Amino acid sequence: MHDPLDPAQGLVPAWLKQVRPQDLPEVYQEMAEVIGVEATVRLAQTFAGASVYFPKLERALLALRNQVIRREFDGANVKQLARRWNLSSRHLRHIVNPPRRDRA
């Protein structure tokens, strides 16, 4: 059976392009304002019936930033990296060489 809104088929009916975010049910309106109606419909289909939780993005991005810093660290570029990432040299050293926790 052909579902015209099946995200796996990558099809979006022409009439959906005329739908405005405020035309959608309230639960989808804010999302549609941010990512568009078509993307909202695809997400709704993909996660239909599921409860989806988005953790705070800052924490995830902070971990990614620290990975990049560790990759760029060469042992002698603390000051350059600290300036680039707007961190203190002390904080940058903490990122590249976190303190060990004693195991008693």
Foldseek 3Di string as FASTA:
>chain_A
DDDQLAVVVVHDDPVQVVDALVNDPPVQSVVCVVVNRSVSSNVCVVQPPHDDDDPDVVVVVVVVVLVVLLVPDDPPCLVVVCVVVVHDSVVSCCSNPPDDDDDD
